[in-house]
């Protein structure tokens, strides 16, 4: 589900972590210095998990936010 005020159901394109994205960015940049730890913004961690939104499927329900487990 996305957009609480005007909800849509979406497919899930995939799951990734911040560490995987940092590694891919480093490989793409070609820095070659893999021993150097990337600088993280305050409040973030390498093991943060991201659900990557796929395509919009249909209208959703605002109720999803009130019943979602946190």
Protein backbone atom coordinates (compact mmCIF):
# COMPACT_ATOMS: atom_id res chain seq x y z
CA UNK A 1 0.00 0.00 0.00
CA UNK A 2 1.26 3.53 -0.67
CA UNK A 3 0.03 7.10 -0.08
CA UNK A 4 -2.06 7.13 3.08
CA UNK A 5 -4.32 10.03 1.99
CA UNK A 6 -5.08 8.58 -1.47
CA UNK A 7 -4.07 4.92 -1.12
CA UNK A 8 -3.09 2.56 -3.90
CA UNK A 9 -2.17 -1.10 -3.82
CA UNK A 10 1.19 -1.73 -5.46
CA UNK A 11 3.17 -4.80 -6.38
CA UNK A 12 6.47 -5.37 -4.63
CA UNK A 13 9.43 -5.02 -7.01
CA UNK A 14 11.92 -6.32 -4.46
CA UNK A 15 13.65 -6.00 -1.10
CA UNK A 16 17.11 -4.58 -0.45
CA UNK A 17 19.28 -3.18 2.35
CA UNK A 18 21.16 0.08 2.61
CA UNK A 19 24.40 -1.93 2.63
CA UNK A 20 23.55 -3.56 -0.72
CA UNK A 21 22.81 -0.16 -2.25
CA UNK A 22 26.02 1.37 -0.86
CA UNK A 23 28.03 -1.54 -2.26
CA UNK A 24 26.37 -1.20 -5.68
CA UNK A 25 27.00 2.57 -5.70
CA UNK A 26 30.65 1.98 -4.81
CA UNK A 27 31.02 -0.65 -7.56
CA UNK A 28 29.34 1.67 -10.07
CA UNK A 29 31.61 4.59 -9.13
CA UNK A 30 34.67 2.37 -9.56
CA UNK A 31 36.39 3.86 -6.50
CA UNK A 32 38.08 0.55 -5.79
CA UNK A 33 38.57 1.41 -2.09
CA UNK A 34 36.41 -1.32 -0.57
CA UNK A 35 38.13 -1.08 2.83
CA UNK A 36 36.80 2.42 3.39
CA UNK A 37 33.52 2.44 5.35
CA UNK A 38 30.82 4.58 3.74
CA UNK A 39 29.58 7.58 5.71
CA UNK A 40 26.02 7.08 6.90
CA UNK A 41 23.57 9.85 7.64
CA UNK A 42 22.54 10.21 11.26
CA UNK A 43 19.71 7.83 12.12
CA UNK A 44 20.53 5.35 9.35
CA UNK A 45 22.21 1.95 9.49
CA UNK A 46 23.70 -0.43 6.93
CA UNK A 47 21.09 -3.04 7.84
CA UNK A 48 18.09 -0.77 7.11
CA UNK A 49 15.64 -2.71 4.92
CA UNK A 50 13.76 -1.19 1.96
CA UNK A 51 10.67 -2.53 0.24
CA UNK A 52 10.92 -1.39 -3.37
CA UNK A 53 7.58 -0.36 -4.85
CA UNK A 54 6.53 -2.02 -8.08
CA UNK A 55 3.62 -1.03 -10.26
CA UNK A 56 0.34 0.45 -9.12
CA UNK A 57 -2.33 -2.26 -9.14
CA UNK A 58 -5.58 -0.63 -7.94
CA UNK A 59 -7.06 1.75 -5.41
CA UNK A 60 -6.33 0.80 -1.82
CA UNK A 61 -7.80 1.35 1.63
CA UNK A 62 -6.89 3.92 4.30
CA UNK A 63 -7.62 1.21 6.86
CA UNK A 64 -4.26 -0.40 6.08
CA UNK A 65 -2.46 2.24 8.17
CA UNK A 66 -4.63 1.72 11.24
CA UNK A 67 -4.19 -2.07 11.26
CA UNK A 68 -0.54 -2.27 10.13
CA UNK A 69 1.82 -3.93 12.62
CA UNK A 70 4.72 -1.74 13.66
